[in-house]
């Protein structure tokens, strides 16, 4: 009676199969991990966009500048928390008849009805609800408020402020003090574990760590005591936190949150390494 032989795999065949599987895995696994990383950073960037957009919407609703504070962490290279900031109500004196007087004498000075904490350095002051905004730069020994000689006009353009009070104190002027923003009661946004804004490779020209929106949605730039509407996009780079801290090469999985200061548009896109360093100004008509 014939008997059938039972065939098996020898050691060489098994090793060959294992080698093929290992080679396929070495090619496939990095691609799979990159897909998941891209999805992760894209989701984080989109969530950051929504958080910033909510602050912009609040500015429109309240009629006052609102925004977010990019809170540096550790040695200041990354941000893992964004906080909402809101500007307190403006102040025009304790009564409707409150007035200020202004003069230009070795700098612009004003005598303004005040209360504790108002005004303070960095606040903006406008007289008679017209003309440019003056910035509070300090207080002299006589108690006069010292103001900057540069500001912005209604169109948000830089302006050399007029000094019509060179010959003495002005007539009484109605005034409005636009106060600096404070941390709001809204919940902060905590970036998910191991993700952060890479501050070293982000661009926030003139805005420090605050991004403020005007009531019309444009970006309000504090810059050296003045407030200017910027001409360059704000770019926040969302990436792996550890790589950002040790300044490793930016991988293709990083995402950018971009804000057009003139239009207020907020959007996100994948990071694309530039061929060379450039920071083009936005065209005058916006995007």
Protein backbone atom coordinates (compact mmCIF):
# COMPACT_ATOMS: atom_id res chain seq x y z
CA UNK A 1 0.00 0.00 0.00
CA UNK A 2 1.43 3.36 -1.08
CA UNK A 3 1.98 5.96 1.61
CA UNK A 4 1.88 9.77 1.02
CA UNK A 5 4.80 11.88 2.07
CA UNK A 6 4.14 14.90 4.28
CA UNK A 7 6.05 17.95 3.11
CA UNK A 8 7.05 20.82 5.45
CA UNK A 9 9.15 23.99 5.25
CA UNK A 10 12.78 23.84 5.87
CA UNK A 11 14.68 26.44 7.84
CA UNK A 12 15.93 28.33 4.79
CA UNK A 13 12.39 28.78 3.44
CA UNK A 14 11.11 30.04 6.80
CA UNK A 15 13.96 32.51 7.06
CA UNK A 16 13.30 33.75 3.53
CA UNK A 17 9.62 34.40 4.32
CA UNK A 18 10.53 36.23 7.54
CA UNK A 19 13.06 38.36 5.65
CA UNK A 20 10.47 39.34 3.03
CA UNK A 21 7.93 40.26 5.72
CA UNK A 22 10.54 42.35 7.55
CA UNK A 23 11.45 44.20 4.35
CA UNK A 24 7.81 44.97 3.59
CA UNK A 25 7.23 46.14 7.16
CA UNK A 26 10.29 48.40 7.05
CA UNK A 27 8.77 50.15 4.02
CA UNK A 28 5.12 50.22 5.13
CA UNK A 29 5.37 51.08 8.85
CA UNK A 30 7.07 54.50 8.45
CA UNK A 31 4.50 55.49 5.84
CA UNK A 32 1.65 54.43 8.10
CA UNK A 33 3.15 56.32 11.06
CA UNK A 34 3.57 59.43 8.90
CA UNK A 35 -0.09 59.28 7.85
CA UNK A 36 -1.17 59.10 11.49
CA UNK A 37 1.23 61.91 12.46
CA UNK A 38 -0.09 64.17 9.71
CA UNK A 39 -3.65 63.49 10.79
CA UNK A 40 -2.75 64.21 14.42
CA UNK A 41 -1.05 67.55 13.74
CA UNK A 42 -3.74 68.59 11.26
CA UNK A 43 -6.41 67.95 13.90
CA UNK A 44 -4.48 69.92 16.52
CA UNK A 45 -3.98 72.83 14.10
CA UNK A 46 -7.68 72.83 13.17
CA UNK A 47 -8.64 72.90 16.84
CA UNK A 48 -6.28 75.84 17.40
CA UNK A 49 -7.90 77.65 14.46
CA UNK A 50 -11.33 77.14 16.02
CA UNK A 51 -10.12 78.48 19.38
CA UNK A 52 -8.59 81.60 17.79
CA UNK A 53 -11.67 82.12 15.60
CA UNK A 54 -13.88 82.07 18.71
CA UNK A 55 -11.82 84.96 20.13
CA UNK A 56 -12.21 86.83 16.85
CA UNK A 57 -15.98 86.31 16.99
CA UNK A 58 -16.01 87.64 20.55
CA UNK A 59 -14.33 90.85 19.35
CA UNK A 60 -17.09 91.31 16.78
CA UNK A 61 -19.81 90.64 19.35
CA UNK A 62 -18.47 92.86 22.13
CA UNK A 63 -17.10 95.67 19.96
CA UNK A 64 -13.80 95.48 21.88
CA UNK A 65 -10.44 93.90 20.99
CA UNK A 66 -10.31 90.23 22.00
CA UNK A 67 -7.84 87.51 21.20
CA UNK A 68 -5.50 84.83 22.51
CA UNK A 69 -2.25 84.81 24.43
CA UNK A 70 0.43 82.40 23.21
CA UNK A 71 1.90 81.34 26.55
CA UNK A 72 5.62 80.40 26.33
CA UNK A 73 6.58 77.24 28.19
CA UNK A 74 9.87 76.34 29.85
CA UNK A 75 12.74 78.06 28.05
CA UNK A 76 10.31 79.90 25.78
CA UNK A 77 10.82 77.78 22.66
CA UNK A 78 7.34 76.25 22.67
CA UNK A 79 3.75 77.03 23.67
CA UNK A 80 1.51 74.32 25.08
CA UNK A 81 -1.30 76.59 26.36
CA UNK A 82 -3.31 79.32 24.64
CA UNK A 83 -5.42 81.63 26.80
CA UNK A 84 -8.29 83.91 25.85
CA UNK A 85 -7.73 87.62 26.45
CA UNK A 86 -10.36 90.36 26.37
CA UNK A 87 -10.03 94.13 26.51
CA UNK A 88 -11.94 95.70 29.41
CA UNK A 89 -14.54 98.38 28.60
CA UNK A 90 -13.12 101.72 27.52
CA UNK A 91 -13.03 104.60 30.01
CA UNK A 92 -14.12 108.18 29.32
CA UNK A 93 -14.21 109.53 32.85
CA UNK A 94 -16.59 109.07 35.73
CA UNK A 95 -19.10 111.55 34.31
CA UNK A 96 -20.26 112.56 30.84
CA UNK A 97 -18.63 115.95 31.33
CA UNK A 98 -15.13 114.57 32.05
CA UNK A 99 -12.48 116.23 29.92
CA UNK A 100 -8.71 116.22 29.38
CA UNK A 101 -6.21 118.91 28.42
CA UNK A 102 -3.12 118.23 26.33
CA UNK A 103 0.10 120.03 25.48
CA UNK A 104 3.28 119.37 23.53
CA UNK A 105 6.29 120.32 25.64
CA UNK A 106 9.29 118.03 25.33
CA UNK A 107 6.82 115.32 24.36
CA UNK A 108 3.05 115.13 24.51
CA UNK A 109 1.54 115.37 27.99
CA UNK A 110 -2.04 115.25 29.20
CA UNK A 111 -4.01 115.86 32.34
CA UNK A 112 -6.75 113.24 32.40
CA UNK A 113 -9.37 112.34 34.96
CA UNK A 114 -8.33 108.90 36.17
CA UNK A 115 -9.17 106.17 38.65
CA UNK A 116 -6.77 103.61 40.19
CA UNK A 117 -5.33 101.45 37.43
CA UNK A 118 -6.65 103.63 34.59
CA UNK A 119 -4.82 104.63 32.52
CA UNK A 120 -1.70 102.48 32.55
CA UNK A 121 1.30 102.17 30.27
CA UNK A 122 0.31 100.67 26.93
CA UNK A 123 -3.27 101.95 26.97
CA UNK A 124 -4.45 103.94 23.97
CA UNK A 125 -6.10 107.36 24.24
CA UNK A 126 -8.16 109.17 21.63
CA UNK A 127 -9.42 112.73 21.90
CA UNK A 128 -12.80 114.02 20.72
CA UNK A 129 -13.55 110.62 19.12
CA UNK A 130 -11.49 111.61 16.08
CA UNK A 131 -7.96 111.56 14.77
CA UNK A 132 -5.22 109.18 15.75
CA UNK A 133 -4.68 107.07 18.85
CA UNK A 134 -2.01 108.13 21.35
CA UNK A 135 -0.23 105.54 23.48
CA UNK A 136 0.43 105.98 27.20
CA UNK A 137 4.19 105.64 27.73
CA UNK A 138 4.48 106.74 31.36
CA UNK A 139 3.71 109.33 34.04
CA UNK A 140 5.94 112.23 35.09
CA UNK A 141 6.56 113.64 38.56
CA UNK A 142 3.78 116.18 38.14
CA UNK A 143 1.24 113.43 37.52
CA UNK A 144 0.90 114.23 33.83
CA UNK A 145 0.24 111.34 31.48
CA UNK A 146 3.02 111.03 28.89
CA UNK A 147 1.95 110.01 25.39
CA UNK A 148 3.72 108.68 22.31
CA UNK A 149 3.99 110.74 19.13
CA UNK A 150 3.04 107.84 16.84
CA UNK A 151 -0.15 105.90 16.45
CA UNK A 152 -2.72 104.61 13.98
CA UNK A 153 -5.50 106.33 12.08
CA UNK A 154 -9.01 105.00 11.39
CA UNK A 155 -7.74 102.92 8.48
CA UNK A 156 -5.22 101.21 10.75
CA UNK A 157 -2.26 102.87 9.06
CA UNK A 158 0.80 104.22 10.86
CA UNK A 159 0.57 107.94 11.42
CA UNK A 160 2.80 110.71 12.79
CA UNK A 161 0.48 112.38 15.23
CA UNK A 162 -0.13 116.10 15.02
CA UNK A 163 0.94 118.33 17.89
CA UNK A 164 -1.54 121.21 17.83
CA UNK A 165 -0.84 122.05 21.48
CA UNK A 166 2.70 123.38 21.06
CA UNK A 167 1.74 126.82 22.36
CA UNK A 168 0.31 125.65 25.65
CA UNK A 169 -2.50 123.57 27.04
CA UNK A 170 -5.38 122.71 24.74
CA UNK A 171 -9.00 123.49 25.32
CA UNK A 172 -10.83 120.76 27.27
CA UNK A 173 -11.20 117.64 25.14
CA UNK A 174 -13.45 114.64 25.42
CA UNK A 175 -11.28 111.50 25.73
CA UNK A 176 -11.55 107.73 25.53
CA UNK A 177 -9.03 105.33 27.05
CA UNK A 178 -8.78 101.93 25.35
CA UNK A 179 -7.43 99.57 27.98
CA UNK A 180 -4.96 96.70 27.65
CA UNK A 181 -6.36 93.15 27.49
CA UNK A 182 -6.61 90.83 30.49
CA UNK A 183 -6.90 87.05 30.76
CA UNK A 184 -10.59 86.19 30.34
CA UNK A 185 -12.65 83.63 32.22
CA UNK A 186 -12.88 81.40 29.12
CA UNK A 187 -11.21 78.00 29.34
CA UNK A 188 -7.61 77.87 28.02
CA UNK A 189 -6.70 75.54 25.18
CA UNK A 190 -4.21 72.87 26.24
CA UNK A 191 -2.34 71.30 23.37
CA UNK A 192 -2.51 67.48 23.36
CA UNK A 193 0.42 65.58 24.82
CA UNK A 194 3.69 65.93 22.88
CA UNK A 195 2.33 68.65 20.56
CA UNK A 196 3.05 72.36 20.80
CA UNK A 197 3.52 75.60 18.90
CA UNK A 198 7.16 75.90 17.88
CA UNK A 199 7.83 79.55 18.79
CA UNK A 200 11.33 79.50 17.30
CA UNK A 201 9.91 78.86 13.83
CA UNK A 202 6.64 80.77 14.14
CA UNK A 203 6.19 84.36 12.94
CA UNK A 204 4.35 86.88 15.10
CA UNK A 205 5.76 90.16 13.86
CA UNK A 206 5.18 92.99 16.29
CA UNK A 207 2.54 91.13 18.30
CA UNK A 208 4.64 89.78 21.18
CA UNK A 209 2.74 86.77 22.50
CA UNK A 210 -0.73 88.28 22.13
CA UNK A 211 -2.92 87.99 19.05
CA UNK A 212 -5.71 90.56 19.29
CA UNK A 213 -8.57 91.15 16.88
CA UNK A 214 -10.33 94.43 16.23
CA UNK A 215 -14.15 94.44 16.20
CA UNK A 216 -13.99 94.30 12.38
CA UNK A 217 -11.96 91.07 12.51
CA UNK A 218 -8.58 92.49 11.50
CA UNK A 219 -5.52 91.92 13.68
CA UNK A 220 -4.61 94.55 16.26
CA UNK A 221 -0.79 94.77 16.57
CA UNK A 222 0.85 96.18 19.71
CA UNK A 223 4.36 97.23 18.66
CA UNK A 224 6.79 99.26 20.79
CA UNK A 225 4.04 101.22 22.50
CA UNK A 226 2.06 101.79 19.31
CA UNK A 227 -0.70 99.74 17.77
CA UNK A 228 -0.42 98.98 14.08
CA UNK A 229 -2.26 96.73 11.69
CA UNK A 230 0.43 94.41 10.38
CA UNK A 231 1.43 93.71 6.80
CA UNK A 232 2.77 90.18 7.34
CA UNK A 233 0.89 87.02 8.15
CA UNK A 234 1.01 85.54 11.62
CA UNK A 235 2.25 81.95 11.28
CA UNK A 236 2.08 79.46 14.17
CA UNK A 237 3.91 76.17 13.57
CA UNK A 238 2.27 73.16 15.24
CA UNK A 239 4.63 70.20 15.59
CA UNK A 240 6.15 67.59 17.88
CA UNK A 241 7.02 69.24 21.18
CA UNK A 242 10.30 67.41 21.81
CA UNK A 243 11.65 68.15 18.32
CA UNK A 244 10.75 71.81 18.71
CA UNK A 245 12.56 72.09 22.05
CA UNK A 246 15.81 70.61 20.72
CA UNK A 247 15.48 72.51 17.42
CA UNK A 248 15.41 69.42 15.25
CA UNK A 249 14.69 69.65 11.54
CA UNK A 250 11.03 70.41 10.81
CA UNK A 251 9.45 67.28 9.42
CA UNK A 252 6.72 67.19 6.80
CA UNK A 253 4.15 66.27 9.43
CA UNK A 254 4.12 69.80 10.92
CA UNK A 255 1.13 72.06 10.28
CA UNK A 256 0.78 75.83 10.23
CA UNK A 257 -1.96 78.08 11.60
CA UNK A 258 -1.97 81.23 9.47
CA UNK A 259 -3.73 84.54 10.14
CA UNK A 260 -4.02 87.32 7.57
CA UNK A 261 -3.90 90.53 9.65
CA UNK A 262 -5.72 92.69 7.10
CA UNK A 263 -8.61 90.38 6.32
CA UNK A 264 -8.73 88.39 9.56
CA UNK A 265 -8.79 85.10 7.66
CA UNK A 266 -7.62 82.16 9.82
CA UNK A 267 -6.72 78.87 8.19
CA UNK A 268 -4.32 75.94 8.37
CA UNK A 269 -2.09 74.12 5.92
CA UNK A 270 0.71 71.55 5.91
CA UNK A 271 4.18 72.91 6.47
CA UNK A 272 6.21 73.23 3.29
CA UNK A 273 9.92 73.91 3.75
CA UNK A 274 10.77 77.10 1.80
CA UNK A 275 13.48 76.99 -0.82
CA UNK A 276 15.01 80.01 0.89
CA UNK A 277 14.15 82.25 3.81
CA UNK A 278 11.56 84.80 2.82
CA UNK A 279 8.85 86.79 4.52
CA UNK A 280 6.84 88.54 1.82
CA UNK A 281 4.55 91.36 2.81
CA UNK A 282 0.90 90.94 2.01
CA UNK A 283 -0.34 92.87 -1.00
CA UNK A 284 -2.10 96.09 -0.14
CA UNK A 285 -5.45 94.68 -1.23
CA UNK A 286 -5.23 91.78 1.25
CA UNK A 287 -4.95 88.18 0.03
